[in-house]
Amino acid sequence: MQLGTFSVSLAVKDLKASMAFYEKLGFSLFHGVPDQNWAILRNPGGVTLGLFQGMFEKNILTFNPGWDANAQPLDDFTDVRDLQRQLKAQGVTFATEADEGTTGPASCVVIDPDGNPILLDQHV
């Protein structure tokens, strides 16, 4: 099952302080709008880290179907609604679901057995 490009999304208390900390670890701003309390950072090894202030309560494992590692659209990928149907067929329970009657951008969330949210967030 191809879930898409992976990143970790951290719920942070102070975006500027978190950005300054992760910059010391070699990360730099890749995407985002810090004035809107979110930033996507990358390090030279290609690790992607999202920092989000006040947007959600827990850290989230994030997969982006339809994007490559540089947030560029892919020609061939598994749509989030197809992933949702496959996971449902395996008995996975959803916290939120994508509207299967739509196309284009959509998202859904599953929770792992330890309570960790996993976001499938398609932007294309």
PDB file of N, CA and C in Angstrom:
ATOM      1  N   MET A   1       0.860  -1.179   0.000  1.00  0.00           N
ATOM      2  CA  MET A   1       0.000   0.000   0.000  1.00  0.00           C
ATOM      3  C   MET A   1       0.900   1.234   0.000  1.00  0.00           C
ATOM      4  N   GLN A   2       0.745   2.083  -1.002  1.00  0.00           N
ATOM      5  CA  GLN A   2       1.538   3.311  -1.111  1.00  0.00           C
ATOM      6  C   GLN A   2       0.753   4.451  -0.479  1.00  0.00           C
ATOM      7  N   LEU A   3       1.197   4.886   0.704  1.00  0.00           N
ATOM      8  CA  LEU A   3       0.498   5.919   1.454  1.00  0.00           C
ATOM      9  C   LEU A   3       0.891   7.326   1.061  1.00  0.00           C
ATOM     10  N   GLY A   4       2.024   7.494   0.403  1.00  0.00           N
ATOM     11  CA  GLY A   4       2.488   8.825   0.030  1.00  0.00           C
ATOM     12  C   GLY A   4       3.705   9.247   0.833  1.00  0.00           C
ATOM     13  N   THR A   5       4.146  10.449   0.578  1.00  0.00           N
ATOM     14  CA  THR A   5       5.325  11.002   1.243  1.00  0.00           C
ATOM     15  C   THR A   5       5.068  11.148   2.739  1.00  0.00           C
ATOM     16  N   PHE A   6       6.053  10.755   3.541  1.00  0.00           N
ATOM     17  CA  PHE A   6       5.916  10.738   4.999  1.00  0.00           C
ATOM     18  C   PHE A   6       6.567  11.950   5.645  1.00  0.00           C
ATOM     19  N   SER A   7       5.925  12.455   6.704  1.00  0.00           N
ATOM     20  CA  SER A   7       6.520  13.465   7.575  1.00  0.00           C
ATOM     21  C   SER A   7       5.919  13.306   8.965  1.00  0.00           C
ATOM     22  N   VAL A   8       6.555  13.934   9.918  1.00  0.00           N
ATOM     23  CA  VAL A   8       6.015  13.991  11.278  1.00  0.00           C
ATOM     24  C   VAL A   8       5.519  15.408  11.488  1.00  0.00           C
ATOM     25  N   SER A   9       4.292  15.527  11.979  1.00  0.00           N
ATOM     26  CA  SER A   9       3.705  16.833  12.279  1.00  0.00           C
ATOM     27  C   SER A   9       3.662  17.000  13.789  1.00  0.00           C
ATOM     28  N   LEU A  10       4.388  17.997  14.282  1.00  0.00           N
ATOM     29  CA  LEU A  10       4.469  18.223  15.722  1.00  0.00           C
ATOM     30  C   LEU A  10       3.547  19.361  16.155  1.00  0.00           C
ATOM     31  N   ALA A  11       2.792  19.118  17.203  1.00  0.00           N
ATOM     32  CA  ALA A  11       1.995  20.171  17.841  1.00  0.00           C
ATOM     33  C   ALA A  11       2.948  20.914  18.783  1.00  0.00           C
ATOM     34  N   VAL A  12       3.258  22.159  18.457  1.00  0.00           N
ATOM     35  CA  VAL A  12       4.230  22.918  19.244  1.00  0.00           C
ATOM     36  C   VAL A  12       3.551  24.052  20.007  1.00  0.00           C
ATOM     37  N   LYS A  13       4.170  24.447  21.116  1.00  0.00           N
ATOM     38  CA  LYS A  13       3.627  25.532  21.942  1.00  0.00           C
ATOM     39  C   LYS A  13       4.057  26.906  21.447  1.00  0.00           C
ATOM     40  N   ASP A  14       5.272  26.988  20.907  1.00  0.00           N
ATOM     41  CA  ASP A  14       5.829  28.261  20.449  1.00  0.00           C
ATOM     42  C   ASP A  14       6.564  28.002  19.134  1.00  0.00           C
ATOM     43  N   LEU A  15       5.940  28.360  18.024  1.00  0.00           N
ATOM     44  CA  LEU A  15       6.492  28.050  16.705  1.00  0.00           C
ATOM     45  C   LEU A  15       7.889  28.635  16.527  1.00  0.00           C
ATOM     46  N   LYS A  16       8.078  29.876  16.889  1.00  0.00           N
ATOM     47  CA  LYS A  16       9.384  30.509  16.691  1.00  0.00           C
ATOM     48  C   LYS A  16      10.472  29.803  17.483  1.00  0.00           C
ATOM     49  N   ALA A  17      10.179  29.428  18.729  1.00  0.00           N
ATOM     50  CA  ALA A  17      11.166  28.717  19.539  1.00  0.00           C
ATOM     51  C   ALA A  17      11.461  27.342  18.951  1.00  0.00           C
ATOM     52  N   SER A  18      10.431  26.656  18.475  1.00  0.00           N
ATOM     53  CA  SER A  18      10.630  25.339  17.872  1.00  0.00           C
ATOM     54  C   SER A  18      11.427  25.443  16.586  1.00  0.00           C
ATOM     55  N   MET A  19      11.123  26.432  15.755  1.00  0.00           N
ATOM     56  CA  MET A  19      11.888  26.615  14.519  1.00  0.00           C
ATOM     57  C   MET A  19      13.357  26.873  14.839  1.00  0.00           C
ATOM     58  N   ALA A  20      13.630  27.718  15.807  1.00  0.00           N
ATOM     59  CA  ALA A  20      15.012  28.033  16.178  1.00  0.00           C
ATOM     60  C   ALA A  20      15.735  26.778  16.666  1.00  0.00           C
ATOM     61  N   PHE A  21      15.050  25.951  17.447  1.00  0.00           N
ATOM     62  CA  PHE A  21      15.649  24.704  17.936  1.00  0.00           C
ATOM     63  C   PHE A  21      15.987  23.770  16.774  1.00  0.00           C
ATOM     64  N   TYR A  22      15.024  23.517  15.900  1.00  0.00           N
ATOM     65  CA  TYR A  22      15.251  22.576  14.805  1.00  0.00           C
ATOM     66  C   TYR A  22      16.242  23.107  13.773  1.00  0.00           C
ATOM     67  N   GLU A  23      16.369  24.429  13.649  1.00  0.00           N
ATOM     68  CA  GLU A  23      17.394  24.994  12.776  1.00  0.00           C
ATOM     69  C   GLU A  23      18.786  24.637  13.293  1.00  0.00           C
ATOM     70  N   LYS A  24      18.939  24.548  14.614  1.00  0.00           N
ATOM     71  CA  LYS A  24      20.219  24.135  15.195  1.00  0.00           C
ATOM     72  C   LYS A  24      20.541  22.686  14.851  1.00  0.00           C
ATOM     73  N   LEU A  25      19.505  21.889  14.560  1.00  0.00           N
ATOM     74  CA  LEU A  25      19.702  20.492  14.172  1.00  0.00           C
ATOM     75  C   LEU A  25      19.840  20.332  12.656  1.00  0.00           C
ATOM     76  N   GLY A  26      19.946  21.445  11.943  1.00  0.00           N
ATOM     77  CA  GLY A  26      20.170  21.404  10.512  1.00  0.00           C
ATOM     78  C   GLY A  26      18.931  21.544   9.644  1.00  0.00           C
ATOM     79  N   PHE A  27      17.770  21.767  10.241  1.00  0.00           N
ATOM     80  CA  PHE A  27      16.550  21.954   9.471  1.00  0.00           C
ATOM     81  C   PHE A  27      16.437  23.396   8.998  1.00  0.00           C
ATOM     82  N   SER A  28      15.766  23.591   7.862  1.00  0.00           N
ATOM     83  CA  SER A  28      15.480  24.941   7.378  1.00  0.00           C
ATOM     84  C   SER A  28      14.058  24.963   6.813  1.00  0.00           C
ATOM     85  N   LEU A  29      13.512  26.151   6.703  1.00  0.00           N
ATOM     86  CA  LEU A  29      12.142  26.321   6.219  1.00  0.00           C
ATOM     87  C   LEU A  29      12.040  25.834   4.778  1.00  0.00           C
ATOM     88  N   PHE A  30      11.115  24.940   4.535  1.00  0.00           N
ATOM     89  CA  PHE A  30      10.874  24.367   3.211  1.00  0.00           C
ATOM     90  C   PHE A  30       9.565  24.894   2.636  1.00  0.00           C
ATOM     91  N   HIS A  31       8.578  25.061   3.488  1.00  0.00           N
ATOM     92  CA  HIS A  31       7.241  25.477   3.078  1.00  0.00           C
ATOM     93  C   HIS A  31       6.511  25.964   4.331  1.00  0.00           C
ATOM     94  N   GLY A  32       5.419  26.664   4.137  1.00  0.00           N
ATOM     95  CA  GLY A  32       4.613  27.085   5.273  1.00  0.00           C
ATOM     96  C   GLY A  32       4.528  28.588   5.392  1.00  0.00           C
ATOM     97  N   VAL A  33       3.751  28.998   6.380  1.00  0.00           N
ATOM     98  CA  VAL A  33       3.551  30.421   6.645  1.00  0.00           C
ATOM     99  C   VAL A  33       3.681  30.621   8.158  1.00  0.00           C
ATOM    100  N   PRO A  34       4.895  30.894   8.628  1.00  0.00           N
ATOM    101  CA  PRO A  34       5.083  31.048  10.066  1.00  0.00           C
ATOM    102  C   PRO A  34       4.144  32.072  10.715  1.00  0.00           C
ATOM    103  N   ASP A  35       3.763  33.121   9.985  1.00  0.00           N
ATOM    104  CA  ASP A  35       2.823  34.101  10.540  1.00  0.00           C
ATOM    105  C   ASP A  35       1.442  33.501  10.762  1.00  0.00           C
ATOM    106  N   GLN A  36       1.163  32.353  10.123  1.00  0.00           N
ATOM    107  CA  GLN A  36      -0.101  31.637  10.329  1.00  0.00           C
ATOM    108  C   GLN A  36       0.097  30.433  11.254  1.00  0.00           C
ATOM    109  N   ASN A  37       1.225  30.396  11.946  1.00  0.00           N
ATOM    110  CA  ASN A  37       1.543  29.386  12.958  1.00  0.00           C
ATOM    111  C   ASN A  37       1.802  27.985  12.416  1.00  0.00           C
ATOM    112  N   TRP A  38       2.335  27.890  11.203  1.00  0.00           N
ATOM    113  CA  TRP A  38       2.747  26.581  10.707  1.00  0.00           C
ATOM    114  C   TRP A  38       3.952  26.723   9.792  1.00  0.00           C
ATOM    115  N   ALA A  39       4.812  25.709   9.855  1.00  0.00           N
ATOM    116  CA  ALA A  39       6.015  25.701   9.040  1.00  0.00           C
ATOM    117  C   ALA A  39       6.404  24.253   8.758  1.00  0.00           C
ATOM    118  N   ILE A  40       6.879  24.010   7.549  1.00  0.00           N
ATOM    119  CA  ILE A  40       7.401  22.706   7.171  1.00  0.00           C
ATOM    120  C   ILE A  40       8.906  22.869   7.004  1.00  0.00           C
ATOM    121  N   LEU A  41       9.662  22.078   7.744  1.00  0.00           N
ATOM    122  CA  LEU A  41      11.119  22.159   7.732  1.00  0.00           C
ATOM    123  C   LEU A  41      11.700  20.905   7.097  1.00  0.00           C
ATOM    124  N   ARG A  42      12.875  21.037   6.484  1.00  0.00           N
ATOM    125  CA  ARG A  42      13.597  19.887   5.917  1.00  0.00           C
ATOM    126  C   ARG A  42      15.041  19.984   6.361  1.00  0.00           C
ATOM    127  N   ASN A  43      15.679  18.826   6.461  1.00  0.00           N
ATOM    128  CA  ASN A  43      17.120  18.840   6.700  1.00  0.00           C
ATOM    129  C   ASN A  43      17.820  18.292   5.469  1.00  0.00           C
ATOM    130  N   PRO A  44      19.141  18.435   5.377  1.00  0.00           N
ATOM    131  CA  PRO A  44      19.855  17.990   4.175  1.00  0.00           C
ATOM    132  C   PRO A  44      19.677  16.505   3.866  1.00  0.00           C
ATOM    133  N   GLY A  45      19.331  15.703   4.859  1.00  0.00           N
ATOM    134  CA  GLY A  45      19.101  14.281   4.630  1.00  0.00           C
ATOM    135  C   GLY A  45      17.727  13.975   4.066  1.00  0.00           C
ATOM    136  N   GLY A  46      16.899  15.011   3.878  1.00  0.00           N
ATOM    137  CA  GLY A  46      15.578  14.823   3.293  1.00  0.00           C
ATOM    138  C   GLY A  46      14.472  14.544   4.293  1.00  0.00           C
ATOM    139  N   VAL A  47      14.762  14.664   5.581  1.00  0.00           N
ATOM    140  CA  VAL A  47      13.726  14.457   6.600  1.00  0.00           C
ATOM    141  C   VAL A  47      12.822  15.681   6.642  1.00  0.00           C
ATOM    142  N   THR A  48      11.512  15.444   6.629  1.00  0.00           N
ATOM    143  CA  THR A  48      10.534  16.530   6.655  1.00  0.00           C
ATOM    144  C   THR A  48       9.824  16.536   7.999  1.00  0.00           C
ATOM    145  N   LEU A  49       9.717  17.722   8.568  1.00  0.00           N
ATOM    146  CA  LEU A  49       9.118  17.918   9.883  1.00  0.00           C
ATOM    147  C   LEU A  49       8.160  19.099   9.806  1.00  0.00           C
ATOM    148  N   GLY A  50       6.896  18.876  10.148  1.00  0.00           N
ATOM    149  CA  GLY A  50       5.920  19.959  10.200  1.00  0.00           C
ATOM    150  C   GLY A  50       5.775  20.457  11.622  1.00  0.00           C
ATOM    151  N   LEU A  51       5.759  21.758  11.791  1.00  0.00           N
ATOM    152  CA  LEU A  51       5.548  22.380  13.105  1.00  0.00           C
ATOM    153  C   LEU A  51       4.245  23.170  13.037  1.00  0.00           C
ATOM    154  N   PHE A  52       3.329  22.897  13.973  1.00  0.00           N
ATOM    155  CA  PHE A  52       2.002  23.504  13.949  1.00  0.00           C
ATOM    156  C   PHE A  52       1.647  23.990  15.343  1.00  0.00           C
ATOM    157  N   GLN A  53       1.467  25.299  15.480  1.00  0.00           N
ATOM    158  CA  GLN A  53       1.118  25.885  16.775  1.00  0.00           C
ATOM    159  C   GLN A  53      -0.386  26.120  16.841  1.00  0.00           C
ATOM    160  N   GLY A  54      -1.033  25.492  17.824  1.00  0.00           N
ATOM    161  CA  GLY A  54      -2.453  25.720  18.058  1.00  0.00           C
ATOM    162  C   GLY A  54      -3.389  25.086  17.049  1.00  0.00           C
ATOM    163  N   MET A  55      -2.924  24.163  16.253  1.00  0.00           N
ATOM    164  CA  MET A  55      -3.771  23.569  15.215  1.00  0.00           C
ATOM    165  C   MET A  55      -4.297  22.195  15.588  1.00  0.00           C
ATOM    166  N   PHE A  56      -3.582  21.452  16.420  1.00  0.00           N
ATOM    167  CA  PHE A  56      -4.058  20.165  16.898  1.00  0.00           C
ATOM    168  C   PHE A  56      -3.372  19.834  18.212  1.00  0.00           C
ATOM    169  N   GLU A  57      -3.933  18.850  18.921  1.00  0.00           N
ATOM    170  CA  GLU A  57      -3.466  18.548  20.273  1.00  0.00           C
ATOM    171  C   GLU A  57      -2.275  17.606  20.329  1.00  0.00           C
ATOM    172  N   LYS A  58      -2.226  16.643  19.434  1.00  0.00           N
ATOM    173  CA  LYS A  58      -1.189  15.614  19.482  1.00  0.00           C
ATOM    174  C   LYS A  58      -0.283  15.693  18.262  1.00  0.00           C
ATOM    175  N   ASN A  59       0.900  15.100  18.395  1.00  0.00           N
ATOM    176  CA  ASN A  59       1.773  14.909  17.250  1.00  0.00           C
ATOM    177  C   ASN A  59       1.106  13.910  16.315  1.00  0.00           C
ATOM    178  N   ILE A  60       1.358  14.043  15.019  1.00  0.00           N
ATOM    179  CA  ILE A  60       0.679  13.230  14.025  1.00  0.00           C
ATOM    180  C   ILE A  60       1.698  12.675  13.025  1.00  0.00           C
ATOM    181  N   LEU A  61       1.531  11.405  12.687  1.00  0.00           N
ATOM    182  CA  LEU A  61       2.259  10.831  11.554  1.00  0.00           C
ATOM    183  C   LEU A  61       1.469  11.215  10.317  1.00  0.00           C
ATOM    184  N   THR A  62       2.121  11.818   9.345  1.00  0.00           N
ATOM    185  CA  THR A  62       1.417  12.347   8.172  1.00  0.00           C
ATOM    186  C   THR A  62       1.933  11.697   6.893  1.00  0.00           C
ATOM    187  N   PHE A  63       0.995  11.300   6.043  1.00  0.00           N
ATOM    188  CA  PHE A  63       1.309  10.793   4.708  1.00  0.00           C
ATOM    189  C   PHE A  63       0.562  11.651   3.704  1.00  0.00           C
ATOM    190  N   ASN A  64       1.242  12.022   2.609  1.00  0.00           N
ATOM    191  CA  ASN A  64       0.642  12.860   1.572  1.00  0.00           C
ATOM    192  C   ASN A  64       0.564  12.101   0.248  1.00  0.00           C
ATOM    193  N   PRO A  65      -0.562  11.404   0.009  1.00  0.00           N
ATOM    194  CA  PRO A  65      -0.728  10.761  -1.310  1.00  0.00           C
ATOM    195  C   PRO A  65      -0.724  11.827  -2.403  1.00  0.00           C
ATOM    196  N   GLY A  66      -0.064  11.513  -3.522  1.00  0.00           N
ATOM    197  CA  GLY A  66      -0.065  12.429  -4.662  1.00  0.00           C
ATOM    198  C   GLY A  66       1.079  13.409  -4.695  1.00  0.00           C
ATOM    199  N   TRP A  67       1.936  13.405  -3.674  1.00  0.00           N
ATOM    200  CA  TRP A  67       3.090  14.307  -3.646  1.00  0.00           C
ATOM    201  C   TRP A  67       4.375  13.513  -3.616  1.00  0.00           C
ATOM    202  N   ASP A  68       5.421  14.074  -4.239  1.00  0.00           N
ATOM    203  CA  ASP A  68       6.747  13.509  -4.062  1.00  0.00           C
ATOM    204  C   ASP A  68       7.395  14.178  -2.842  1.00  0.00           C
ATOM    205  N   ALA A  69       8.644  13.857  -2.566  1.00  0.00           N
ATOM    206  CA  ALA A  69       9.333  14.378  -1.386  1.00  0.00           C
ATOM    207  C   ALA A  69       9.529  15.890  -1.416  1.00  0.00           C
ATOM    208  N   ASN A  70       9.355  16.520  -2.594  1.00  0.00           N
ATOM    209  CA  ASN A  70       9.497  17.968  -2.710  1.00  0.00           C
ATOM    210  C   ASN A  70       8.153  18.673  -2.833  1.00  0.00           C
ATOM    211  N   ALA A  71       7.083  17.978  -2.438  1.00  0.00           N
ATOM    212  CA  ALA A  71       5.718  18.520  -2.473  1.00  0.00           C
ATOM    213  C   ALA A  71       5.272  18.867  -3.888  1.00  0.00           C
ATOM    214  N   GLN A  72       5.769  18.090  -4.852  1.00  0.00           N
ATOM    215  CA  GLN A  72       5.363  18.250  -6.241  1.00  0.00           C
ATOM    216  C   GLN A  72       4.376  17.134  -6.589  1.00  0.00           C
ATOM    217  N   PRO A  73       3.350  17.445  -7.373  1.00  0.00           N
ATOM    218  CA  PRO A  73       2.348  16.430  -7.706  1.00  0.00           C
ATOM    219  C   PRO A  73       2.940  15.258  -8.493  1.00  0.00           C
ATOM    220  N   LEU A  74       2.452  14.069  -8.178  1.00  0.00           N
ATOM    221  CA  LEU A  74       2.829  12.866  -8.896  1.00  0.00           C
ATOM    222  C   LEU A  74       1.797  12.569  -9.979  1.00  0.00           C
ATOM    223  N   ASP A  75       2.241  12.002 -11.088  1.00  0.00           N
ATOM    224  CA  ASP A  75       1.310  11.606 -12.145  1.00  0.00           C
ATOM    225  C   ASP A  75       0.511  10.373 -11.750  1.00  0.00           C
ATOM    226  N   ASP A  76       1.138   9.472 -11.014  1.00  0.00           N
ATOM    227  CA  ASP A  76       0.502   8.213 -10.652  1.00  0.00           C
ATOM    228  C   ASP A  76       0.583   8.016  -9.139  1.00  0.00           C
ATOM    229  N   PHE A  77      -0.558   7.881  -8.485  1.00  0.00           N
ATOM    230  CA  PHE A  77      -0.604   7.657  -7.042  1.00  0.00           C
ATOM    231  C   PHE A  77      -1.955   7.059  -6.682  1.00  0.00           C
ATOM    232  N   THR A  78      -2.037   6.512  -5.475  1.00  0.00           N
ATOM    233  CA  THR A  78      -3.295   5.968  -4.980  1.00  0.00           C
ATOM    234  C   THR A  78      -4.054   7.072  -4.271  1.00  0.00           C
ATOM    235  N   ASP A  79      -5.254   7.374  -4.748  1.00  0.00           N
ATOM    236  CA  ASP A  79      -6.089   8.420  -4.171  1.00  0.00           C
ATOM    237  C   ASP A  79      -6.446   8.090  -2.719  1.00  0.00           C
ATOM    238  N   VAL A  80      -6.530   9.111  -1.897  1.00  0.00           N
ATOM    239  CA  VAL A  80      -6.822   8.932  -0.475  1.00  0.00           C
ATOM    240  C   VAL A  80      -8.135   8.176  -0.257  1.00  0.00           C
ATOM    241  N   ARG A  81      -9.115   8.372  -1.126  1.00  0.00           N
ATOM    242  CA  ARG A  81     -10.394   7.665  -0.980  1.00  0.00           C
ATOM    243  C   ARG A  81     -10.230   6.175  -1.249  1.00  0.00           C
ATOM    244  N   ASP A  82      -9.336   5.819  -2.191  1.00  0.00           N
ATOM    245  CA  ASP A  82      -9.042   4.408  -2.441  1.00  0.00           C
ATOM    246  C   ASP A  82      -8.303   3.796  -1.252  1.00  0.00           C
ATOM    247  N   LEU A  83      -7.361   4.540  -0.693  1.00  0.00           N
ATOM    248  CA  LEU A  83      -6.665   4.072   0.506  1.00  0.00           C
ATOM    249  C   LEU A  83      -7.660   3.849   1.640  1.00  0.00           C
ATOM    250  N   GLN A  84      -8.582   4.775   1.797  1.00  0.00           N
ATOM    251  CA  GLN A  84      -9.599   4.669   2.845  1.00  0.00           C
ATOM    252  C   GLN A  84     -10.433   3.397   2.657  1.00  0.00           C
ATOM    253  N   ARG A  85     -10.862   3.135   1.426  1.00  0.00           N
ATOM    254  CA  ARG A  85     -11.652   1.919   1.155  1.00  0.00           C
ATOM    255  C   ARG A  85     -10.839   0.656   1.464  1.00  0.00           C
ATOM    256  N   GLN A  86      -9.557   0.647   1.084  1.00  0.00           N
ATOM    257  CA  GLN A  86      -8.708  -0.511   1.359  1.00  0.00           C
ATOM    258  C   GLN A  86      -8.554  -0.737   2.859  1.00  0.00           C
ATOM    259  N   LEU A  87      -8.345   0.341   3.593  1.00  0.00           N
ATOM    260  CA  LEU A  87      -8.181   0.218   5.043  1.00  0.00           C
ATOM    261  C   LEU A  87      -9.479  -0.215   5.720  1.00  0.00           C
ATOM    262  N   LYS A  88     -10.603   0.331   5.279  1.00  0.00           N
ATOM    263  CA  LYS A  88     -11.900  -0.089   5.820  1.00  0.00           C
ATOM    264  C   LYS A  88     -12.130  -1.584   5.591  1.00  0.00           C
ATOM    265  N   ALA A  89     -11.741  -2.068   4.415  1.00  0.00           N
ATOM    266  CA  ALA A  89     -11.910  -3.482   4.093  1.00  0.00           C
ATOM    267  C   ALA A  89     -11.085  -4.370   5.027  1.00  0.00           C
ATOM    268  N   GLN A  90     -10.041  -3.803   5.615  1.00  0.00           N
ATOM    269  CA  GLN A  90      -9.204  -4.533   6.569  1.00  0.00           C
ATOM    270  C   GLN A  90      -9.663  -4.316   8.010  1.00  0.00           C
ATOM    271  N   GLY A  91     -10.768  -3.595   8.192  1.00  0.00           N
ATOM    272  CA  GLY A  91     -11.317  -3.397   9.529  1.00  0.00           C
ATOM    273  C   GLY A  91     -10.749  -2.220  10.296  1.00  0.00           C
ATOM    274  N   VAL A  92     -10.013  -1.344   9.612  1.00  0.00           N
ATOM    275  CA  VAL A  92      -9.455  -0.169  10.280  1.00  0.00           C
ATOM    276  C   VAL A  92     -10.579   0.832  10.549  1.00  0.00           C
ATOM    277  N   THR A  93     -10.588   1.391  11.756  1.00  0.00           N
ATOM    278  CA  THR A  93     -11.581   2.383  12.151  1.00  0.00           C
ATOM    279  C   THR A  93     -11.017   3.781  11.921  1.00  0.00           C
ATOM    280  N   PHE A  94     -11.873   4.689  11.479  1.00  0.00           N
ATOM    281  CA  PHE A  94     -11.458   6.047  11.161  1.00  0.00           C
ATOM    282  C   PHE A  94     -11.964   7.050  12.191  1.00  0.00           C
ATOM    283  N   ALA A  95     -11.099   8.026  12.525  1.00  0.00           N
ATOM    284  CA  ALA A  95     -11.514   9.148  13.375  1.00  0.00           C
ATOM    285  C   ALA A  95     -12.216  10.191  12.528  1.00  0.00           C
ATOM    286  N   THR A  96     -11.718  10.404  11.312  1.00  0.00           N
ATOM    287  CA  THR A  96     -12.377  11.261  10.320  1.00  0.00           C
ATOM    288  C   THR A  96     -12.230  10.574   8.974  1.00  0.00           C
ATOM    289  N   GLU A  97     -13.181  10.839   8.075  1.00  0.00           N
ATOM    290  CA  GLU A  97     -13.169  10.183   6.780  1.00  0.00           C
ATOM    291  C   GLU A  97     -13.214  11.193   5.648  1.00  0.00           C
ATOM    292  N   ALA A  98     -12.604  10.813   4.533  1.00  0.00           N
ATOM    293  CA  ALA A  98     -12.711  11.586   3.298  1.00  0.00           C
ATOM    294  C   ALA A  98     -14.070  11.276   2.679  1.00  0.00           C
ATOM    295  N   ASP A  99     -14.669  12.266   2.053  1.00  0.00           N
ATOM    296  CA  ASP A  99     -15.940  12.080   1.354  1.00  0.00           C
ATOM    297  C   ASP A  99     -15.659  11.302   0.077  1.00  0.00           C
ATOM    298  N   GLU A 100     -16.133  10.072   0.018  1.00  0.00           N
ATOM    299  CA  GLU A 100     -15.840   9.207  -1.120  1.00  0.00           C
ATOM    300  C   GLU A 100     -16.591   9.617  -2.384  1.00  0.00           C
ATOM    301  N   GLY A 101     -17.487  10.584  -2.282  1.00  0.00           N
ATOM    302  CA  GLY A 101     -18.191  11.079  -3.452  1.00  0.00           C
ATOM    303  C   GLY A 101     -17.510  12.261  -4.114  1.00  0.00           C
ATOM    304  N   THR A 102     -16.294  12.595  -3.658  1.00  0.00           N
ATOM    305  CA  THR A 102     -15.570  13.750  -4.195  1.00  0.00           C
ATOM    306  C   THR A 102     -14.299  13.287  -4.898  1.00  0.00           C
ATOM    307  N   THR A 103     -13.623  14.237  -5.535  1.00  0.00           N
ATOM    308  CA  THR A 103     -12.303  14.012  -6.115  1.00  0.00           C
ATOM    309  C   THR A 103     -11.400  15.145  -5.661  1.00  0.00           C
ATOM    310  N   GLY A 104     -10.110  14.984  -5.884  1.00  0.00           N
ATOM    311  CA  GLY A 104      -9.162  16.039  -5.525  1.00  0.00           C
ATOM    312  C   GLY A 104      -8.759  15.997  -4.072  1.00  0.00           C
ATOM    313  N   PRO A 105      -8.379  17.153  -3.523  1.00  0.00           N
ATOM    314  CA  PRO A 105      -7.895  17.202  -2.148  1.00  0.00           C
ATOM    315  C   PRO A 105      -8.902  16.641  -1.145  1.00  0.00           C
ATOM    316  N   ALA A 106      -8.383  15.853  -0.204  1.00  0.00           N
ATOM    317  CA  ALA A 106      -9.202  15.269   0.855  1.00  0.00           C
ATOM    318  C   ALA A 106      -8.273  14.661   1.894  1.00  0.00           C
ATOM    319  N   SER A 107      -8.827  14.352   3.043  1.00  0.00           N
ATOM    320  CA  SER A 107      -8.013  13.729   4.085  1.00  0.00           C
ATOM    321  C   SER A 107      -8.872  12.812   4.945  1.00  0.00           C
ATOM    322  N   CYS A 108      -8.188  11.939   5.662  1.00  0.00           N
ATOM    323  CA  CYS A 108      -8.828  11.081   6.650  1.00  0.00           C
ATOM    324  C   CYS A 108      -7.810  10.796   7.739  1.00  0.00           C
ATOM    325  N   VAL A 109      -8.304  10.368   8.895  1.00  0.00           N
ATOM    326  CA  VAL A 109      -7.431  10.098  10.032  1.00  0.00           C
ATOM    327  C   VAL A 109      -7.800   8.749  10.643  1.00  0.00           C
ATOM    328  N   VAL A 110      -6.770   7.933  10.881  1.00  0.00           N
ATOM    329  CA  VAL A 110      -6.923   6.697  11.642  1.00  0.00           C
ATOM    330  C   VAL A 110      -6.095   6.846  12.917  1.00  0.00           C
ATOM    331  N   ILE A 111      -6.444   6.078  13.921  1.00  0.00           N
ATOM    332  CA  ILE A 111      -5.726   6.110  15.191  1.00  0.00           C
ATOM    333  C   ILE A 111      -5.107   4.733  15.408  1.00  0.00           C
ATOM    334  N   ASP A 112      -3.806   4.688  15.672  1.00  0.00           N
ATOM    335  CA  ASP A 112      -3.161   3.394  15.886  1.00  0.00           C
ATOM    336  C   ASP A 112      -3.523   2.850  17.270  1.00  0.00           C
ATOM    337  N   PRO A 113      -3.162   1.612  17.587  1.00  0.00           N
ATOM    338  CA  PRO A 113      -3.558   1.015  18.864  1.00  0.00           C
ATOM    339  C   PRO A 113      -3.074   1.767  20.106  1.00  0.00           C
ATOM    340  N   ASP A 114      -2.042   2.601  19.954  1.00  0.00           N
ATOM    341  CA  ASP A 114      -1.524   3.364  21.089  1.00  0.00           C
ATOM    342  C   ASP A 114      -2.069   4.782  21.155  1.00  0.00           C
ATOM    343  N   GLY A 115      -3.041   5.092  20.291  1.00  0.00           N
ATOM    344  CA  GLY A 115      -3.663   6.409  20.315  1.00  0.00           C
ATOM    345  C   GLY A 115      -2.986   7.447  19.446  1.00  0.00           C
ATOM    346  N   ASN A 116      -2.025   7.047  18.623  1.00  0.00           N
ATOM    347  CA  ASN A 116      -1.335   7.990  17.751  1.00  0.00           C
ATOM    348  C   ASN A 116      -2.143   8.238  16.487  1.00  0.00           C
ATOM    349  N   PRO A 117      -2.453   9.495  16.191  1.00  0.00           N
ATOM    350  CA  PRO A 117      -3.183   9.788  14.962  1.00  0.00           C
ATOM    351  C   PRO A 117      -2.282   9.669  13.735  1.00  0.00           C
ATOM    352  N   ILE A 118      -2.865   9.133  12.665  1.00  0.00           N
ATOM    353  CA  ILE A 118      -2.182   9.014  11.381  1.00  0.00           C
ATOM    354  C   ILE A 118      -3.062   9.717  10.357  1.00  0.00           C
ATOM    355  N   LEU A 119      -2.524  10.777   9.791  1.00  0.00           N
ATOM    356  CA  LEU A 119      -3.255  11.614   8.828  1.00  0.00           C
ATOM    357  C   LEU A 119      -2.845  11.239   7.416  1.00  0.00           C
ATOM    358  N   LEU A 120      -3.837  10.925   6.580  1.00  0.00           N
ATOM    359  CA  LEU A 120      -3.627  10.764   5.140  1.00  0.00           C
ATOM    360  C   LEU A 120      -4.178  12.032   4.518  1.00  0.00           C
ATOM    361  N   ASP A 121      -3.292  12.904   4.070  1.00  0.00           N
ATOM    362  CA  ASP A 121      -3.658  14.276   3.674  1.00  0.00           C
ATOM    363  C   ASP A 121      -3.263  14.517   2.226  1.00  0.00           C
ATOM    364  N   GLN A 122      -4.229  14.382   1.325  1.00  0.00           N
ATOM    365  CA  GLN A 122      -3.990  14.549  -0.111  1.00  0.00           C
ATOM    366  C   GLN A 122      -4.292  15.988  -0.521  1.00  0.00           C
ATOM    367  N   HIS A 123      -3.325  16.628  -1.166  1.00  0.00           N
ATOM    368  CA  HIS A 123      -3.464  18.031  -1.585  1.00  0.00           C
ATOM    369  C   HIS A 123      -3.733  18.202  -3.066  1.00  0.00           C
ATOM    370  N   VAL A 124      -3.743  17.116  -3.838  1.00  0.00           N
ATOM    371  CA  VAL A 124      -3.948  17.206  -5.286  1.00  0.00           C
ATOM    372  C   VAL A 124      -5.211  16.478  -5.701  1.00  0.00           C
TER     373      VAL A 124
END
